[in-house]
Amino acid sequence: DNLDEAELHFKQKVSEFDHIPFAHEASE
């Protein structure tokens, strides 16, 4: 499916619960 949209959705979903995993562009 639209990978860019999937990426954005995943990052938003996780970040709403815990901001730490995507707090930095170079995160794991």
PDB file of all heavy atoms in Angstrom:
ATOM      1  N   ASP A   1       0.860  -1.176   0.000  1.00  0.00           N
ATOM      2  CA  ASP A   1       0.000   0.000   0.000  1.00  0.00           C
ATOM      3  C   ASP A   1       0.900   1.231   0.000  1.00  0.00           C
ATOM      4  O   ASP A   1       2.113   1.119  -0.080  1.00  0.00           O
ATOM      5  CB  ASP A   1      -0.900   0.011   1.243  1.00  0.00           C
ATOM      6  CG  ASP A   1      -1.941  -1.107   1.216  1.00  0.00           C
ATOM      7  OD1 ASP A   1      -2.167  -1.670   0.136  1.00  0.00           O
ATOM      8  OD2 ASP A   1      -2.506  -1.409   2.273  1.00  0.00           O
ATOM      9  N   ASN A   2       0.343   2.377   0.136  1.00  0.00           N
ATOM     10  CA  ASN A   2       1.111   3.617   0.156  1.00  0.00           C
ATOM     11  C   ASN A   2       2.075   3.594   1.348  1.00  0.00           C
ATOM     12  O   ASN A   2       1.663   3.768   2.495  1.00  0.00           O
ATOM     13  CB  ASN A   2       0.155   4.804   0.245  1.00  0.00           C
ATOM     14  CG  ASN A   2       0.871   6.136   0.178  1.00  0.00           C
ATOM     15  OD1 ASN A   2       2.053   6.242   0.504  1.00  0.00           O
ATOM     16  ND2 ASN A   2       0.148   7.140  -0.246  1.00  0.00           N
ATOM     17  N   LEU A   3       3.344   3.357   1.081  1.00  0.00           N
ATOM     18  CA  LEU A   3       4.324   3.205   2.155  1.00  0.00           C
ATOM     19  C   LEU A   3       4.548   4.496   2.928  1.00  0.00           C
ATOM     20  O   LEU A   3       4.746   4.466   4.139  1.00  0.00           O
ATOM     21  CB  LEU A   3       5.651   2.693   1.593  1.00  0.00           C
ATOM     22  CG  LEU A   3       5.606   1.304   0.961  1.00  0.00           C
ATOM     23  CD1 LEU A   3       7.000   0.887   0.522  1.00  0.00           C
ATOM     24  CD2 LEU A   3       5.031   0.291   1.909  1.00  0.00           C
ATOM     25  N   ASP A   4       4.512   5.631   2.239  1.00  0.00           N
ATOM     26  CA  ASP A   4       4.698   6.908   2.938  1.00  0.00           C
ATOM     27  C   ASP A   4       3.564   7.152   3.926  1.00  0.00           C
ATOM     28  O   ASP A   4       3.790   7.606   5.047  1.00  0.00           O
ATOM     29  CB  ASP A   4       4.799   8.068   1.949  1.00  0.00           C
ATOM     30  CG  ASP A   4       6.070   8.023   1.128  1.00  0.00           C
ATOM     31  OD1 ASP A   4       7.082   7.470   1.617  1.00  0.00           O
ATOM     32  OD2 ASP A   4       6.069   8.535  -0.011  1.00  0.00           O
ATOM     33  N   GLU A   5       2.355   6.827   3.507  1.00  0.00           N
ATOM     34  CA  GLU A   5       1.198   6.988   4.387  1.00  0.00           C
ATOM     35  C   GLU A   5       1.284   6.008   5.557  1.00  0.00           C
ATOM     36  O   GLU A   5       0.992   6.363   6.698  1.00  0.00           O
ATOM     37  CB  GLU A   5      -0.084   6.743   3.594  1.00  0.00           C
ATOM     38  CG  GLU A   5      -1.343   7.025   4.376  1.00  0.00           C
ATOM     39  CD  GLU A   5      -2.583   6.833   3.515  1.00  0.00           C
ATOM     40  OE1 GLU A   5      -2.647   7.425   2.424  1.00  0.00           O
ATOM     41  OE2 GLU A   5      -3.473   6.074   3.955  1.00  0.00           O
ATOM     42  N   ALA A   6       1.695   4.779   5.280  1.00  0.00           N
ATOM     43  CA  ALA A   6       1.852   3.770   6.334  1.00  0.00           C
ATOM     44  C   ALA A   6       2.913   4.203   7.338  1.00  0.00           C
ATOM     45  O   ALA A   6       2.734   4.050   8.552  1.00  0.00           O
ATOM     46  CB  ALA A   6       2.223   2.421   5.723  1.00  0.00           C
ATOM     47  N   GLU A   7       4.006   4.758   6.837  1.00  0.00           N
ATOM     48  CA  GLU A   7       5.078   5.241   7.714  1.00  0.00           C
ATOM     49  C   GLU A   7       4.563   6.353   8.621  1.00  0.00           C
ATOM     50  O   GLU A   7       4.782   6.332   9.837  1.00  0.00           O
ATOM     51  CB  GLU A   7       6.244   5.748   6.872  1.00  0.00           C
ATOM     52  CG  GLU A   7       7.344   6.397   7.695  1.00  0.00           C
ATOM     53  CD  GLU A   7       8.426   7.032   6.836  1.00  0.00           C
ATOM     54  OE1 GLU A   7       8.252   7.178   5.615  1.00  0.00           O
ATOM     55  OE2 GLU A   7       9.461   7.398   7.417  1.00  0.00           O
ATOM     56  N   LEU A   8       3.874   7.310   8.036  1.00  0.00           N
ATOM     57  CA  LEU A   8       3.347   8.436   8.811  1.00  0.00           C
ATOM     58  C   LEU A   8       2.364   7.941   9.873  1.00  0.00           C
ATOM     59  O   LEU A   8       2.436   8.355  11.032  1.00  0.00           O
ATOM     60  CB  LEU A   8       2.677   9.440   7.880  1.00  0.00           C
ATOM     61  CG  LEU A   8       2.080  10.679   8.531  1.00  0.00           C
ATOM     62  CD1 LEU A   8       3.165  11.494   9.227  1.00  0.00           C
ATOM     63  CD2 LEU A   8       1.366  11.528   7.494  1.00  0.00           C
ATOM     64  N   HIS A   9       1.481   7.032   9.498  1.00  0.00           N
ATOM     65  CA  HIS A   9       0.491   6.500  10.441  1.00  0.00           C
ATOM     66  C   HIS A   9       1.181   5.777  11.602  1.00  0.00           C
ATOM     67  O   HIS A   9       0.831   5.973  12.765  1.00  0.00           O
ATOM     68  CB  HIS A   9      -0.474   5.564   9.718  1.00  0.00           C
ATOM     69  CG  HIS A   9      -1.466   4.921  10.623  1.00  0.00           C
ATOM     70  ND1 HIS A   9      -2.519   5.612  11.185  1.00  0.00           N
ATOM     71  CD2 HIS A   9      -1.559   3.657  11.088  1.00  0.00           C
ATOM     72  CE1 HIS A   9      -3.214   4.798  11.959  1.00  0.00           C
ATOM     73  NE2 HIS A   9      -2.652   3.600  11.915  1.00  0.00           N
ATOM     74  N   PHE A  10       2.162   4.939  11.275  1.00  0.00           N
ATOM     75  CA  PHE A  10       2.896   4.202  12.310  1.00  0.00           C
ATOM     76  C   PHE A  10       3.594   5.159  13.272  1.00  0.00           C
ATOM     77  O   PHE A  10       3.478   5.024  14.491  1.00  0.00           O
ATOM     78  CB  PHE A  10       3.905   3.262  11.649  1.00  0.00           C
ATOM     79  CG  PHE A  10       4.846   2.590  12.616  1.00  0.00           C
ATOM     80  CD1 PHE A  10       4.370   1.756  13.614  1.00  0.00           C
ATOM     81  CD2 PHE A  10       6.207   2.786  12.521  1.00  0.00           C
ATOM     82  CE1 PHE A  10       5.231   1.125  14.506  1.00  0.00           C
ATOM     83  CE2 PHE A  10       7.084   2.159  13.401  1.00  0.00           C
ATOM     84  CZ  PHE A  10       6.594   1.336  14.396  1.00  0.00           C
ATOM     85  N   LYS A  11       4.297   6.125  12.736  1.00  0.00           N
ATOM     86  CA  LYS A  11       5.024   7.078  13.581  1.00  0.00           C
ATOM     87  C   LYS A  11       4.075   7.878  14.462  1.00  0.00           C
ATOM     88  O   LYS A  11       4.351   8.098  15.646  1.00  0.00           O
ATOM     89  CB  LYS A  11       5.875   8.013  12.726  1.00  0.00           C
ATOM     90  CG  LYS A  11       7.089   7.344  12.138  1.00  0.00           C
ATOM     91  CD  LYS A  11       7.899   8.325  11.311  1.00  0.00           C
ATOM     92  CE  LYS A  11       9.181   7.708  10.809  1.00  0.00           C
ATOM     93  NZ  LYS A  11       9.968   8.660  10.001  1.00  0.00           N
ATOM     94  N   GLN A  12       2.945   8.302  13.905  1.00  0.00           N
ATOM     95  CA  GLN A  12       1.977   9.075  14.691  1.00  0.00           C
ATOM     96  C   GLN A  12       1.370   8.217  15.789  1.00  0.00           C
ATOM     97  O   GLN A  12       1.237   8.666  16.933  1.00  0.00           O
ATOM     98  CB  GLN A  12       0.867   9.623  13.792  1.00  0.00           C
ATOM     99  CG  GLN A  12       1.294  10.789  12.950  1.00  0.00           C
ATOM    100  CD  GLN A  12       0.192  11.253  12.010  1.00  0.00           C
ATOM    101  OE1 GLN A  12      -0.705  10.505  11.647  1.00  0.00           O
ATOM    102  NE2 GLN A  12       0.290  12.510  11.593  1.00  0.00           N
ATOM    103  N   LYS A  13       1.006   6.987  15.440  1.00  0.00           N
ATOM    104  CA  LYS A  13       0.377   6.086  16.417  1.00  0.00           C
ATOM    105  C   LYS A  13       1.309   5.825  17.600  1.00  0.00           C
ATOM    106  O   LYS A  13       0.903   5.929  18.757  1.00  0.00           O
ATOM    107  CB  LYS A  13       0.022   4.769  15.721  1.00  0.00           C
ATOM    108  CG  LYS A  13      -0.748   3.811  16.564  1.00  0.00           C
ATOM    109  CD  LYS A  13      -1.178   2.600  15.749  1.00  0.00           C
ATOM    110  CE  LYS A  13      -2.000   1.660  16.603  1.00  0.00           C
ATOM    111  NZ  LYS A  13      -2.512   0.535  15.829  1.00  0.00           N
ATOM    112  N   VAL A  14       2.564   5.527  17.300  1.00  0.00           N
ATOM    113  CA  VAL A  14       3.531   5.247  18.374  1.00  0.00           C
ATOM    114  C   VAL A  14       3.839   6.519  19.157  1.00  0.00           C
ATOM    115  O   VAL A  14       3.887   6.505  20.393  1.00  0.00           O
ATOM    116  CB  VAL A  14       4.815   4.626  17.792  1.00  0.00           C
ATOM    117  CG1 VAL A  14       5.902   4.539  18.847  1.00  0.00           C
ATOM    118  CG2 VAL A  14       4.516   3.243  17.223  1.00  0.00           C
ATOM    119  N   SER A  15       4.041   7.628  18.463  1.00  0.00           N
ATOM    120  CA  SER A  15       4.416   8.888  19.124  1.00  0.00           C
ATOM    121  C   SER A  15       3.316   9.425  20.027  1.00  0.00           C
ATOM    122  O   SER A  15       3.604  10.075  21.031  1.00  0.00           O
ATOM    123  CB  SER A  15       4.805   9.938  18.084  1.00  0.00           C
ATOM    124  OG  SER A  15       5.981   9.534  17.415  1.00  0.00           O
ATOM    125  N   GLU A  16       2.063   9.163  19.685  1.00  0.00           N
ATOM    126  CA  GLU A  16       0.957   9.591  20.549  1.00  0.00           C
ATOM    127  C   GLU A  16       0.981   8.832  21.875  1.00  0.00           C
ATOM    128  O   GLU A  16       0.561   9.352  22.893  1.00  0.00           O
ATOM    129  CB  GLU A  16      -0.385   9.389  19.849  1.00  0.00           C
ATOM    130  CG  GLU A  16      -0.640  10.395  18.762  1.00  0.00           C
ATOM    131  CD  GLU A  16      -1.885  10.096  17.947  1.00  0.00           C
ATOM    132  OE1 GLU A  16      -2.602   9.104  18.240  1.00  0.00           O
ATOM    133  OE2 GLU A  16      -2.136  10.845  16.986  1.00  0.00           O
ATOM    134  N   PHE A  17       1.475   7.607  21.842  1.00  0.00           N
ATOM    135  CA  PHE A  17       1.542   6.782  23.045  1.00  0.00           C
ATOM    136  C   PHE A  17       2.826   7.042  23.832  1.00  0.00           C
ATOM    137  O   PHE A  17       2.820   7.069  25.058  1.00  0.00           O
ATOM    138  CB  PHE A  17       1.445   5.302  22.653  1.00  0.00           C
ATOM    139  CG  PHE A  17       1.163   4.389  23.797  1.00  0.00           C
ATOM    140  CD1 PHE A  17      -0.111   4.263  24.302  1.00  0.00           C
ATOM    141  CD2 PHE A  17       2.180   3.651  24.373  1.00  0.00           C
ATOM    142  CE1 PHE A  17      -0.377   3.426  25.367  1.00  0.00           C
ATOM    143  CE2 PHE A  17       1.933   2.808  25.438  1.00  0.00           C
ATOM    144  CZ  PHE A  17       0.652   2.698  25.934  1.00  0.00           C
ATOM    145  N   ASP A  18       3.928   7.225  23.107  1.00  0.00           N
ATOM    146  CA  ASP A  18       5.243   7.466  23.722  1.00  0.00           C
ATOM    147  C   ASP A  18       6.090   8.221  22.697  1.00  0.00           C
ATOM    148  O   ASP A  18       6.397   7.675  21.641  1.00  0.00           O
ATOM    149  CB  ASP A  18       5.905   6.135  24.088  1.00  0.00           C
ATOM    150  CG  ASP A  18       7.295   6.287  24.712  1.00  0.00           C
ATOM    151  OD1 ASP A  18       7.704   7.425  25.003  1.00  0.00           O
ATOM    152  OD2 ASP A  18       7.967   5.261  24.898  1.00  0.00           O
ATOM    153  N   HIS A  19       6.470   9.427  23.007  1.00  0.00           N
ATOM    154  CA  HIS A  19       7.207  10.266  22.043  1.00  0.00           C
ATOM    155  C   HIS A  19       8.662   9.825  21.853  1.00  0.00           C
ATOM    156  O   HIS A  19       9.302  10.185  20.878  1.00  0.00           O
ATOM    157  CB  HIS A  19       7.181  11.729  22.477  1.00  0.00           C
ATOM    158  CG  HIS A  19       8.087  12.007  23.635  1.00  0.00           C
ATOM    159  ND1 HIS A  19       7.742  11.713  24.933  1.00  0.00           N
ATOM    160  CD2 HIS A  19       9.335  12.518  23.675  1.00  0.00           C
ATOM    161  CE1 HIS A  19       8.750  12.036  25.725  1.00  0.00           C
ATOM    162  NE2 HIS A  19       9.726  12.525  24.995  1.00  0.00           N
ATOM    163  N   ILE A  20       9.194   9.021  22.735  1.00  0.00           N
ATOM    164  CA  ILE A  20      10.624   8.682  22.733  1.00  0.00           C
ATOM    165  C   ILE A  20      11.085   7.919  21.481  1.00  0.00           C
ATOM    166  O   ILE A  20      12.126   8.258  20.917  1.00  0.00           O
ATOM    167  CB  ILE A  20      10.999   7.923  24.015  1.00  0.00           C
ATOM    168  CG1 ILE A  20      10.804   8.836  25.222  1.00  0.00           C
ATOM    169  CG2 ILE A  20      12.433   7.408  23.960  1.00  0.00           C
ATOM    170  CD1 ILE A  20      10.875   8.126  26.558  1.00  0.00           C
ATOM    171  N   PRO A  21      10.364   6.895  20.992  1.00  0.00           N
ATOM    172  CA  PRO A  21      10.885   6.120  19.865  1.00  0.00           C
ATOM    173  C   PRO A  21      11.208   6.945  18.615  1.00  0.00           C
ATOM    174  O   PRO A  21      12.126   6.607  17.879  1.00  0.00           O
ATOM    175  CB  PRO A  21       9.773   5.112  19.584  1.00  0.00           C
ATOM    176  CG  PRO A  21       9.096   4.943  20.897  1.00  0.00           C
ATOM    177  CD  PRO A  21       9.142   6.304  21.529  1.00  0.00           C
ATOM    178  N   PHE A  22      10.489   8.014  18.367  1.00  0.00           N
ATOM    179  CA  PHE A  22      10.732   8.838  17.177  1.00  0.00           C
ATOM    180  C   PHE A  22      11.123  10.266  17.533  1.00  0.00           C
ATOM    181  O   PHE A  22      10.958  11.185  16.737  1.00  0.00           O
ATOM    182  CB  PHE A  22       9.497   8.827  16.265  1.00  0.00           C
ATOM    183  CG  PHE A  22       9.231   7.479  15.668  1.00  0.00           C
ATOM    184  CD1 PHE A  22       8.192   6.698  16.138  1.00  0.00           C
ATOM    185  CD2 PHE A  22      10.037   6.980  14.662  1.00  0.00           C
ATOM    186  CE1 PHE A  22       7.944   5.443  15.601  1.00  0.00           C
ATOM    187  CE2 PHE A  22       9.810   5.725  14.119  1.00  0.00           C
ATOM    188  CZ  PHE A  22       8.759   4.953  14.590  1.00  0.00           C
ATOM    189  N   ALA A  23      11.679  10.447  18.719  1.00  0.00           N
ATOM    190  CA  ALA A  23      12.060  11.788  19.171  1.00  0.00           C
ATOM    191  C   ALA A  23      13.207  12.370  18.345  1.00  0.00           C
ATOM    192  O   ALA A  23      13.320  13.580  18.206  1.00  0.00           O
ATOM    193  CB  ALA A  23      12.436  11.772  20.648  1.00  0.00           C
ATOM    194  N   HIS A  24      14.040  11.501  17.786  1.00  0.00           N
ATOM    195  CA  HIS A  24      15.187  11.950  16.989  1.00  0.00           C
ATOM    196  C   HIS A  24      15.161  11.264  15.630  1.00  0.00           C
ATOM    197  O   HIS A  24      14.791  10.090  15.534  1.00  0.00           O
ATOM    198  CB  HIS A  24      16.502  11.612  17.700  1.00  0.00           C
ATOM    199  CG  HIS A  24      16.588  12.206  19.061  1.00  0.00           C
ATOM    200  ND1 HIS A  24      16.790  13.539  19.279  1.00  0.00           N
ATOM    201  CD2 HIS A  24      16.467  11.638  20.280  1.00  0.00           C
ATOM    202  CE1 HIS A  24      16.798  13.774  20.578  1.00  0.00           C
ATOM    203  NE2 HIS A  24      16.593  12.632  21.211  1.00  0.00           N
ATOM    204  N   GLU A  25      15.557  11.979  14.596  1.00  0.00           N
ATOM    205  CA  GLU A  25      15.569  11.413  13.247  1.00  0.00           C
ATOM    206  C   GLU A  25      16.493  10.208  13.138  1.00  0.00           C
ATOM    207  O   GLU A  25      16.287   9.335  12.309  1.00  0.00           O
ATOM    208  CB  GLU A  25      15.984  12.471  12.233  1.00  0.00           C
ATOM    209  CG  GLU A  25      14.886  13.444  11.897  1.00  0.00           C
ATOM    210  CD  GLU A  25      15.264  14.368  10.771  1.00  0.00           C
ATOM    211  OE1 GLU A  25      15.961  13.928   9.829  1.00  0.00           O
ATOM    212  OE2 GLU A  25      14.873  15.533  10.835  1.00  0.00           O
ATOM    213  N   ALA A  26      17.527  10.165  13.957  1.00  0.00           N
ATOM    214  CA  ALA A  26      18.507   9.076  13.894  1.00  0.00           C
ATOM    215  C   ALA A  26      18.214   7.971  14.909  1.00  0.00           C
ATOM    216  O   ALA A  26      19.076   7.146  15.182  1.00  0.00           O
ATOM    217  CB  ALA A  26      19.905   9.632  14.118  1.00  0.00           C
ATOM    218  N   SER A  27      16.994   7.928  15.448  1.00  0.00           N
ATOM    219  CA  SER A  27      16.663   6.894  16.431  1.00  0.00           C
ATOM    220  C   SER A  27      16.653   5.517  15.773  1.00  0.00           C
ATOM    221  O   SER A  27      16.563   5.387  14.550  1.00  0.00           O
ATOM    222  CB  SER A  27      15.295   7.168  17.050  1.00  0.00           C
ATOM    223  OG  SER A  27      14.263   6.866  16.135  1.00  0.00           O
ATOM    224  N   GLU A  28      16.742   4.485  16.596  1.00  0.00           N
ATOM    225  CA  GLU A  28      16.716   3.117  16.071  1.00  0.00           C
ATOM    226  C   GLU A  28      15.426   2.852  15.296  1.00  0.00           C
ATOM    227  O   GLU A  28      15.449   2.266  14.218  1.00  0.00           O
ATOM    228  CB  GLU A  28      16.865   2.106  17.211  1.00  0.00           C
ATOM    229  CG  GLU A  28      18.225   2.102  17.843  1.00  0.00           C
ATOM    230  CD  GLU A  28      19.333   1.728  16.859  1.00  0.00           C
ATOM    231  OE1 GLU A  28      19.155   0.817  16.040  1.00  0.00           O
ATOM    232  OE2 GLU A  28      20.383   2.373  16.917  1.00  0.00           O
TER     233      GLU A  28
END
